[in-house]
Amino acid sequence: MSSYKKKKEDLLNRLKRIEGQVRGVHRMVEDDKYCADILVQIAAVKGALNKVGKTILEKHAHGCVQNAIATGDGDEKIDELLEILFKFNK
C-alpha cells in the first residue's frame, strides 16, 4: 500500500506537467534554441521532479517507515530509507 495515496492525484498532475516540460526541452533542442534558455528549463524540470520526490519521501517516512517502527520492523525500513536518501541526494 502506498503512503502517498491522499496525494496521488496531485502527484500525477505534477508529473504530467513535468512530462510536458521535458517534451518542451526536447523541442528546444530539436529547434536549436539558445543554450541558456534550455538550461533554465532543465533546472525547472529538476526542481519540479525533486518536489515530487520530496513529497513521496515525506509520505514514506510518515507512513511506511512509521508503521514499520510501530510493528517492530523499523531497523530494516530505516536502513532502506537511508539508502533511498543517499540515492536521492546524489
PDB file of N, CA and C in Angstrom:
ATOM      1  N   MET A   1       0.835  -1.180   0.000  1.00  0.00           N
ATOM      2  CA  MET A   1       0.000   0.000   0.000  1.00  0.00           C
ATOM      3  C   MET A   1       0.884   1.248   0.000  1.00  0.00           C
ATOM      4  N   SER A   2       0.521   2.217  -0.775  1.00  0.00           N
ATOM      5  CA  SER A   2       1.315   3.441  -0.855  1.00  0.00           C
ATOM      6  C   SER A   2       0.905   4.411   0.249  1.00  0.00           C
ATOM      7  N   SER A   3       1.912   5.050   0.809  1.00  0.00           N
ATOM      8  CA  SER A   3       1.648   6.019   1.869  1.00  0.00           C
ATOM      9  C   SER A   3       1.291   7.391   1.311  1.00  0.00           C
ATOM     10  N   TYR A   4       1.417   7.560  -0.002  1.00  0.00           N
ATOM     11  CA  TYR A   4       1.129   8.846  -0.641  1.00  0.00           C
ATOM     12  C   TYR A   4      -0.258   8.875  -1.282  1.00  0.00           C
ATOM     13  N   LYS A   5      -1.106   7.911  -0.939  1.00  0.00           N
ATOM     14  CA  LYS A   5      -2.403   7.759  -1.584  1.00  0.00           C
ATOM     15  C   LYS A   5      -3.241   9.043  -1.579  1.00  0.00           C
ATOM     16  N   LYS A   6      -3.232   9.777  -0.476  1.00  0.00           N
ATOM     17  CA  LYS A   6      -4.026  11.007  -0.385  1.00  0.00           C
ATOM     18  C   LYS A   6      -3.494  12.092  -1.322  1.00  0.00           C
ATOM     19  N   LYS A   7      -2.228  12.009  -1.680  1.00  0.00           N
ATOM     20  CA  LYS A   7      -1.596  13.000  -2.560  1.00  0.00           C
ATOM     21  C   LYS A   7      -1.472  12.503  -3.995  1.00  0.00           C
ATOM     22  N   LYS A   8      -1.980  11.320  -4.277  1.00  0.00           N
ATOM     23  CA  LYS A   8      -1.764  10.680  -5.570  1.00  0.00           C
ATOM     24  C   LYS A   8      -2.215  11.550  -6.742  1.00  0.00           C
ATOM     25  N   GLU A   9      -3.411  12.112  -6.670  1.00  0.00           N
ATOM     26  CA  GLU A   9      -3.929  12.923  -7.769  1.00  0.00           C
ATOM     27  C   GLU A   9      -3.044  14.145  -8.012  1.00  0.00           C
ATOM     28  N   ASP A  10      -2.643  14.805  -6.948  1.00  0.00           N
ATOM     29  CA  ASP A  10      -1.757  15.964  -7.057  1.00  0.00           C
ATOM     30  C   ASP A  10      -0.410  15.555  -7.661  1.00  0.00           C
ATOM     31  N   LEU A  11       0.138  14.444  -7.203  1.00  0.00           N
ATOM     32  CA  LEU A  11       1.414  13.963  -7.727  1.00  0.00           C
ATOM     33  C   LEU A  11       1.313  13.633  -9.213  1.00  0.00           C
ATOM     34  N   LEU A  12       0.237  12.978  -9.604  1.00  0.00           N
ATOM     35  CA  LEU A  12       0.055  12.641 -11.012  1.00  0.00           C
ATOM     36  C   LEU A  12      -0.068  13.890 -11.874  1.00  0.00           C
ATOM     37  N   ASN A  13      -0.770  14.897 -11.378  1.00  0.00           N
ATOM     38  CA  ASN A  13      -0.882  16.162 -12.115  1.00  0.00           C
ATOM     39  C   ASN A  13       0.482  16.839 -12.257  1.00  0.00           C
ATOM     40  N   ARG A  14       1.257  16.822 -11.190  1.00  0.00           N
ATOM     41  CA  ARG A  14       2.598  17.407 -11.245  1.00  0.00           C
ATOM     42  C   ARG A  14       3.466  16.654 -12.252  1.00  0.00           C
ATOM     43  N   LEU A  15       3.373  15.335 -12.239  1.00  0.00           N
ATOM     44  CA  LEU A  15       4.167  14.529 -13.167  1.00  0.00           C
ATOM     45  C   LEU A  15       3.760  14.774 -14.618  1.00  0.00           C
ATOM     46  N   LYS A  16       2.480  14.997 -14.856  1.00  0.00           N
ATOM     47  CA  LYS A  16       2.031  15.327 -16.213  1.00  0.00           C
ATOM     48  C   LYS A  16       2.635  16.654 -16.664  1.00  0.00           C
ATOM     49  N   ARG A  17       2.682  17.634 -15.746  1.00  0.00           N
ATOM     50  CA  ARG A  17       3.286  18.922 -16.091  1.00  0.00           C
ATOM     51  C   ARG A  17       4.778  18.752 -16.371  1.00  0.00           C
ATOM     52  N   ILE A  18       5.438  17.941 -15.567  1.00  0.00           N
ATOM     53  CA  ILE A  18       6.864  17.683 -15.771  1.00  0.00           C
ATOM     54  C   ILE A  18       7.084  17.003 -17.123  1.00  0.00           C
ATOM     55  N   GLU A  19       6.230  16.062 -17.440  1.00  0.00           N
ATOM     56  CA  GLU A  19       6.313  15.382 -18.730  1.00  0.00           C
ATOM     57  C   GLU A  19       6.214  16.405 -19.872  1.00  0.00           C
ATOM     58  N   GLY A  20       5.307  17.337 -19.739  1.00  0.00           N
ATOM     59  CA  GLY A  20       5.170  18.391 -20.742  1.00  0.00           C
ATOM     60  C   GLY A  20       6.406  19.277 -20.807  1.00  0.00           C
ATOM     61  N   GLN A  21       6.991  19.570 -19.644  1.00  0.00           N
ATOM     62  CA  GLN A  21       8.209  20.369 -19.613  1.00  0.00           C
ATOM     63  C   GLN A  21       9.354  19.646 -20.323  1.00  0.00           C
ATOM     64  N   VAL A  22       9.467  18.344 -20.095  1.00  0.00           N
ATOM     65  CA  VAL A  22      10.526  17.566 -20.729  1.00  0.00           C
ATOM     66  C   VAL A  22      10.332  17.554 -22.241  1.00  0.00           C
ATOM     67  N   ARG A  23       9.093  17.395 -22.679  1.00  0.00           N
ATOM     68  CA  ARG A  23       8.824  17.464 -24.123  1.00  0.00           C
ATOM     69  C   ARG A  23       9.210  18.830 -24.682  1.00  0.00           C
ATOM     70  N   GLY A  24       8.959  19.878 -23.897  1.00  0.00           N
ATOM     71  CA  GLY A  24       9.333  21.224 -24.305  1.00  0.00           C
ATOM     72  C   GLY A  24      10.841  21.374 -24.440  1.00  0.00           C
ATOM     73  N   VAL A  25      11.589  20.809 -23.512  1.00  0.00           N
ATOM     74  CA  VAL A  25      13.056  20.839 -23.596  1.00  0.00           C
ATOM     75  C   VAL A  25      13.513  20.082 -24.846  1.00  0.00           C
ATOM     76  N   HIS A  26      12.891  18.951 -25.114  1.00  0.00           N
ATOM     77  CA  HIS A  26      13.216  18.160 -26.301  1.00  0.00           C
ATOM     78  C   HIS A  26      13.027  19.001 -27.568  1.00  0.00           C
ATOM     79  N   ARG A  27      11.902  19.697 -27.632  1.00  0.00           N
ATOM     80  CA  ARG A  27      11.627  20.562 -28.790  1.00  0.00           C
ATOM     81  C   ARG A  27      12.642  21.690 -28.896  1.00  0.00           C
ATOM     82  N   MET A  28      13.021  22.245 -27.749  1.00  0.00           N
ATOM     83  CA  MET A  28      14.004  23.324 -27.760  1.00  0.00           C
ATOM     84  C   MET A  28      15.328  22.853 -28.360  1.00  0.00           C
ATOM     85  N   VAL A  29      15.747  21.657 -27.985  1.00  0.00           N
ATOM     86  CA  VAL A  29      16.990  21.111 -28.533  1.00  0.00           C
ATOM     87  C   VAL A  29      16.832  20.847 -30.021  1.00  0.00           C
ATOM     88  N   GLU A  30      15.703  20.249 -30.393  1.00  0.00           N
ATOM     89  CA  GLU A  30      15.445  19.996 -31.818  1.00  0.00           C
ATOM     90  C   GLU A  30      15.485  21.286 -32.633  1.00  0.00           C
ATOM     91  N   ASP A  31      14.963  22.363 -32.048  1.00  0.00           N
ATOM     92  CA  ASP A  31      14.867  23.641 -32.750  1.00  0.00           C
ATOM     93  C   ASP A  31      16.112  24.516 -32.581  1.00  0.00           C
ATOM     94  N   ASP A  32      17.168  23.936 -31.998  1.00  0.00           N
ATOM     95  CA  ASP A  32      18.432  24.655 -31.807  1.00  0.00           C
ATOM     96  C   ASP A  32      18.269  25.964 -31.036  1.00  0.00           C
ATOM     97  N   LYS A  33      17.473  25.910 -29.964  1.00  0.00           N
ATOM     98  CA  LYS A  33      17.266  27.107 -29.142  1.00  0.00           C
ATOM     99  C   LYS A  33      18.546  27.444 -28.369  1.00  0.00           C
ATOM    100  N   TYR A  34      18.576  28.630 -27.837  1.00  0.00           N
ATOM    101  CA  TYR A  34      19.727  29.146 -27.102  1.00  0.00           C
ATOM    102  C   TYR A  34      20.015  28.271 -25.882  1.00  0.00           C
ATOM    103  N   CYS A  35      21.304  27.935 -25.695  1.00  0.00           N
ATOM    104  CA  CYS A  35      21.736  27.023 -24.619  1.00  0.00           C
ATOM    105  C   CYS A  35      21.238  27.458 -23.239  1.00  0.00           C
ATOM    106  N   ALA A  36      21.390  28.730 -22.928  1.00  0.00           N
ATOM    107  CA  ALA A  36      20.997  29.224 -21.605  1.00  0.00           C
ATOM    108  C   ALA A  36      19.507  29.027 -21.359  1.00  0.00           C
ATOM    109  N   ASP A  37      18.695  29.221 -22.386  1.00  0.00           N
ATOM    110  CA  ASP A  37      17.248  29.015 -22.234  1.00  0.00           C
ATOM    111  C   ASP A  37      16.930  27.554 -21.956  1.00  0.00           C
ATOM    112  N   ILE A  38      17.639  26.657 -22.620  1.00  0.00           N
ATOM    113  CA  ILE A  38      17.429  25.225 -22.388  1.00  0.00           C
ATOM    114  C   ILE A  38      17.839  24.862 -20.967  1.00  0.00           C
ATOM    115  N   LEU A  39      18.967  25.390 -20.525  1.00  0.00           N
ATOM    116  CA  LEU A  39      19.446  25.089 -19.170  1.00  0.00           C
ATOM    117  C   LEU A  39      18.479  25.583 -18.101  1.00  0.00           C
ATOM    118  N   VAL A  40      17.867  26.727 -18.317  1.00  0.00           N
ATOM    119  CA  VAL A  40      16.868  27.247 -17.369  1.00  0.00           C
ATOM    120  C   VAL A  40      15.685  26.286 -17.296  1.00  0.00           C
ATOM    121  N   GLN A  41      15.249  25.779 -18.437  1.00  0.00           N
ATOM    122  CA  GLN A  41      14.129  24.839 -18.452  1.00  0.00           C
ATOM    123  C   GLN A  41      14.501  23.512 -17.791  1.00  0.00           C
ATOM    124  N   ILE A  42      15.725  23.058 -18.005  1.00  0.00           N
ATOM    125  CA  ILE A  42      16.186  21.828 -17.351  1.00  0.00           C
ATOM    126  C   ILE A  42      16.195  22.015 -15.833  1.00  0.00           C
ATOM    127  N   ALA A  43      16.647  23.164 -15.372  1.00  0.00           N
ATOM    128  CA  ALA A  43      16.634  23.445 -13.929  1.00  0.00           C
ATOM    129  C   ALA A  43      15.216  23.425 -13.382  1.00  0.00           C
ATOM    130  N   ALA A  44      14.269  23.951 -14.153  1.00  0.00           N
ATOM    131  CA  ALA A  44      12.865  23.944 -13.720  1.00  0.00           C
ATOM    132  C   ALA A  44      12.335  22.515 -13.620  1.00  0.00           C
ATOM    133  N   VAL A  45      12.686  21.676 -14.590  1.00  0.00           N
ATOM    134  CA  VAL A  45      12.255  20.269 -14.575  1.00  0.00           C
ATOM    135  C   VAL A  45      12.845  19.566 -13.358  1.00  0.00           C
ATOM    136  N   LYS A  46      14.135  19.766 -13.117  1.00  0.00           N
ATOM    137  CA  LYS A  46      14.780  19.138 -11.963  1.00  0.00           C
ATOM    138  C   LYS A  46      14.129  19.575 -10.658  1.00  0.00           C
ATOM    139  N   GLY A  47      13.828  20.866 -10.543  1.00  0.00           N
ATOM    140  CA  GLY A  47      13.182  21.374  -9.339  1.00  0.00           C
ATOM    141  C   GLY A  47      11.807  20.764  -9.125  1.00  0.00           C
ATOM    142  N   ALA A  48      11.041  20.666 -10.203  1.00  0.00           N
ATOM    143  CA  ALA A  48       9.698  20.088 -10.106  1.00  0.00           C
ATOM    144  C   ALA A  48       9.760  18.610  -9.744  1.00  0.00           C
ATOM    145  N   LEU A  49      10.692  17.890 -10.344  1.00  0.00           N
ATOM    146  CA  LEU A  49      10.826  16.465 -10.054  1.00  0.00           C
ATOM    147  C   LEU A  49      11.313  16.242  -8.620  1.00  0.00           C
ATOM    148  N   ASN A  50      12.214  17.097  -8.158  1.00  0.00           N
ATOM    149  CA  ASN A  50      12.666  16.999  -6.767  1.00  0.00           C
ATOM    150  C   ASN A  50      11.516  17.233  -5.796  1.00  0.00           C
ATOM    151  N   LYS A  51      10.626  18.147  -6.140  1.00  0.00           N
ATOM    152  CA  LYS A  51       9.477  18.413  -5.262  1.00  0.00           C
ATOM    153  C   LYS A  51       8.576  17.177  -5.172  1.00  0.00           C
ATOM    154  N   VAL A  52       8.347  16.515  -6.293  1.00  0.00           N
ATOM    155  CA  VAL A  52       7.554  15.276  -6.285  1.00  0.00           C
ATOM    156  C   VAL A  52       8.260  14.227  -5.422  1.00  0.00           C
ATOM    157  N   GLY A  53       9.557  14.095  -5.625  1.00  0.00           N
ATOM    158  CA  GLY A  53      10.324  13.123  -4.845  1.00  0.00           C
ATOM    159  C   GLY A  53      10.280  13.406  -3.357  1.00  0.00           C
ATOM    160  N   LYS A  54      10.415  14.660  -2.992  1.00  0.00           N
ATOM    161  CA  LYS A  54      10.380  15.028  -1.574  1.00  0.00           C
ATOM    162  C   LYS A  54       9.017  14.750  -0.957  1.00  0.00           C
ATOM    163  N   THR A  55       7.966  14.972  -1.711  1.00  0.00           N
ATOM    164  CA  THR A  55       6.616  14.686  -1.214  1.00  0.00           C
ATOM    165  C   THR A  55       6.458  13.190  -0.958  1.00  0.00           C
ATOM    166  N   ILE A  56       6.892  12.376  -1.909  1.00  0.00           N
ATOM    167  CA  ILE A  56       6.781  10.923  -1.735  1.00  0.00           C
ATOM    168  C   ILE A  56       7.682  10.457  -0.600  1.00  0.00           C
ATOM    169  N   LEU A  57       8.872  11.027  -0.495  1.00  0.00           N
ATOM    170  CA  LEU A  57       9.785  10.679   0.586  1.00  0.00           C
ATOM    171  C   LEU A  57       9.183  11.004   1.951  1.00  0.00           C
ATOM    172  N   GLU A  58       8.567  12.171   2.056  1.00  0.00           N
ATOM    173  CA  GLU A  58       7.916  12.572   3.307  1.00  0.00           C
ATOM    174  C   GLU A  58       6.796  11.601   3.676  1.00  0.00           C
ATOM    175  N   LYS A  59       5.969  11.264   2.690  1.00  0.00           N
ATOM    176  CA  LYS A  59       4.869  10.329   2.949  1.00  0.00           C
ATOM    177  C   LYS A  59       5.400   8.949   3.319  1.00  0.00           C
ATOM    178  N   HIS A  60       6.502   8.538   2.697  1.00  0.00           N
ATOM    179  CA  HIS A  60       7.109   7.242   3.013  1.00  0.00           C
ATOM    180  C   HIS A  60       7.593   7.220   4.471  1.00  0.00           C
ATOM    181  N   ALA A  61       8.258   8.304   4.880  1.00  0.00           N
ATOM    182  CA  ALA A  61       8.775   8.366   6.251  1.00  0.00           C
ATOM    183  C   ALA A  61       7.646   8.372   7.280  1.00  0.00           C
ATOM    184  N   HIS A  62       6.599   9.160   6.999  1.00  0.00           N
ATOM    185  CA  HIS A  62       5.493   9.275   7.961  1.00  0.00           C
ATOM    186  C   HIS A  62       4.486   8.134   7.833  1.00  0.00           C
ATOM    187  N   GLY A  63       4.574   7.356   6.789  1.00  0.00           N
ATOM    188  CA  GLY A  63       3.647   6.238   6.595  1.00  0.00           C
ATOM    189  C   GLY A  63       4.346   4.907   6.760  1.00  0.00           C
ATOM    190  N   CYS A  64       5.036   4.478   5.720  1.00  0.00           N
ATOM    191  CA  CYS A  64       5.666   3.153   5.693  1.00  0.00           C
ATOM    192  C   CYS A  64       6.682   2.961   6.814  1.00  0.00           C
ATOM    193  N   VAL A  65       7.586   3.923   6.974  1.00  0.00           N
ATOM    194  CA  VAL A  65       8.640   3.788   7.990  1.00  0.00           C
ATOM    195  C   VAL A  65       8.034   3.842   9.389  1.00  0.00           C
ATOM    196  N   GLN A  66       7.135   4.779   9.600  1.00  0.00           N
ATOM    197  CA  GLN A  66       6.495   4.900  10.919  1.00  0.00           C
ATOM    198  C   GLN A  66       5.728   3.628  11.278  1.00  0.00           C
ATOM    199  N   ASN A  67       5.020   3.058  10.314  1.00  0.00           N
ATOM    200  CA  ASN A  67       4.290   1.806  10.557  1.00  0.00           C
ATOM    201  C   ASN A  67       5.243   0.657  10.853  1.00  0.00           C
ATOM    202  N   ALA A  68       6.358   0.598  10.136  1.00  0.00           N
ATOM    203  CA  ALA A  68       7.333  -0.469  10.376  1.00  0.00           C
ATOM    204  C   ALA A  68       7.920  -0.363  11.777  1.00  0.00           C
ATOM    205  N   ILE A  69       8.194   0.843  12.217  1.00  0.00           N
ATOM    206  CA  ILE A  69       8.719   1.039  13.575  1.00  0.00           C
ATOM    207  C   ILE A  69       7.693   0.582  14.602  1.00  0.00           C
ATOM    208  N   ALA A  70       6.446   0.919  14.384  1.00  0.00           N
ATOM    209  CA  ALA A  70       5.380   0.550  15.324  1.00  0.00           C
ATOM    210  C   ALA A  70       5.187  -0.956  15.413  1.00  0.00           C
ATOM    211  N   THR A  71       5.479  -1.677  14.322  1.00  0.00           N
ATOM    212  CA  THR A  71       5.286  -3.126  14.323  1.00  0.00           C
ATOM    213  C   THR A  71       6.583  -3.891  14.593  1.00  0.00           C
ATOM    214  N   GLY A  72       7.668  -3.171  14.922  1.00  0.00           N
ATOM    215  CA  GLY A  72       8.915  -3.828  15.265  1.00  0.00           C
ATOM    216  C   GLY A  72       9.837  -4.115  14.091  1.00  0.00           C
ATOM    217  N   ASP A  73       9.499  -3.660  12.915  1.00  0.00           N
ATOM    218  CA  ASP A  73      10.336  -3.869  11.730  1.00  0.00           C
ATOM    219  C   ASP A  73      11.050  -2.581  11.312  1.00  0.00           C
ATOM    220  N   GLY A  74      11.297  -1.716  12.259  1.00  0.00           N
ATOM    221  CA  GLY A  74      11.818  -0.398  11.962  1.00  0.00           C
ATOM    222  C   GLY A  74      13.233  -0.363  11.424  1.00  0.00           C
ATOM    223  N   ASP A  75      14.121  -1.222  11.960  1.00  0.00           N
ATOM    224  CA  ASP A  75      15.517  -1.170  11.538  1.00  0.00           C
ATOM    225  C   ASP A  75      15.671  -1.381  10.036  1.00  0.00           C
ATOM    226  N   GLU A  76      14.965  -2.345   9.505  1.00  0.00           N
ATOM    227  CA  GLU A  76      15.042  -2.637   8.077  1.00  0.00           C
ATOM    228  C   GLU A  76      14.530  -1.453   7.248  1.00  0.00           C
ATOM    229  N   LYS A  77      13.419  -0.875   7.664  1.00  0.00           N
ATOM    230  CA  LYS A  77      12.852   0.263   6.931  1.00  0.00           C
ATOM    231  C   LYS A  77      13.725   1.510   7.055  1.00  0.00           C
ATOM    232  N   ILE A  78      14.331   1.695   8.216  1.00  0.00           N
ATOM    233  CA  ILE A  78      15.223   2.843   8.388  1.00  0.00           C
ATOM    234  C   ILE A  78      16.447   2.691   7.489  1.00  0.00           C
ATOM    235  N   ASP A  79      17.004   1.475   7.418  1.00  0.00           N
ATOM    236  CA  ASP A  79      18.130   1.225   6.508  1.00  0.00           C
ATOM    237  C   ASP A  79      17.730   1.499   5.061  1.00  0.00           C
ATOM    238  N   GLU A  80      16.541   1.050   4.695  1.00  0.00           N
ATOM    239  CA  GLU A  80      16.029   1.290   3.344  1.00  0.00           C
ATOM    240  C   GLU A  80      15.889   2.794   3.094  1.00  0.00           C
ATOM    241  N   LEU A  81      15.343   3.514   4.081  1.00  0.00           N
ATOM    242  CA  LEU A  81      15.149   4.953   3.961  1.00  0.00           C
ATOM    243  C   LEU A  81      16.483   5.669   3.788  1.00  0.00           C
ATOM    244  N   LEU A  82      17.480   5.269   4.551  1.00  0.00           N
ATOM    245  CA  LEU A  82      18.797   5.893   4.423  1.00  0.00           C
ATOM    246  C   LEU A  82      19.390   5.640   3.041  1.00  0.00           C
ATOM    247  N   GLU A  83      19.244   4.440   2.537  1.00  0.00           N
ATOM    248  CA  GLU A  83      19.735   4.114   1.199  1.00  0.00           C
ATOM    249  C   GLU A  83      19.039   4.982   0.145  1.00  0.00           C
ATOM    250  N   ILE A  84      17.742   5.155   0.297  1.00  0.00           N
ATOM    251  CA  ILE A  84      16.980   5.999  -0.622  1.00  0.00           C
ATOM    252  C   ILE A  84      17.460   7.448  -0.521  1.00  0.00           C
ATOM    253  N   LEU A  85      17.678   7.943   0.683  1.00  0.00           N
ATOM    254  CA  LEU A  85      18.142   9.320   0.866  1.00  0.00           C
ATOM    255  C   LEU A  85      19.493   9.536   0.196  1.00  0.00           C
ATOM    256  N   PHE A  86      20.396   8.568   0.332  1.00  0.00           N
ATOM    257  CA  PHE A  86      21.714   8.689  -0.301  1.00  0.00           C
ATOM    258  C   PHE A  86      21.561   8.747  -1.824  1.00  0.00           C
ATOM    259  N   LYS A  87      20.695   7.929  -2.389  1.00  0.00           N
ATOM    260  CA  LYS A  87      20.481   7.942  -3.834  1.00  0.00           C
ATOM    261  C   LYS A  87      19.786   9.231  -4.259  1.00  0.00           C
ATOM    262  N   PHE A  88      18.841   9.677  -3.467  1.00  0.00           N
ATOM    263  CA  PHE A  88      18.054  10.868  -3.798  1.00  0.00           C
ATOM    264  C   PHE A  88      18.927  12.116  -3.823  1.00  0.00           C
ATOM    265  N   ASN A  89      19.941  12.143  -2.975  1.00  0.00           N
ATOM    266  CA  ASN A  89      20.777  13.324  -2.849  1.00  0.00           C
ATOM    267  C   ASN A  89      22.053  13.273  -3.688  1.00  0.00           C
ATOM    268  N   LYS A  90      22.143  12.363  -4.612  1.00  0.00           N
ATOM    269  CA  LYS A  90      23.319  12.312  -5.495  1.00  0.00           C
ATOM    270  C   LYS A  90      23.295  13.458  -6.449  1.00  0.00           C
TER     271      LYS A  90
END
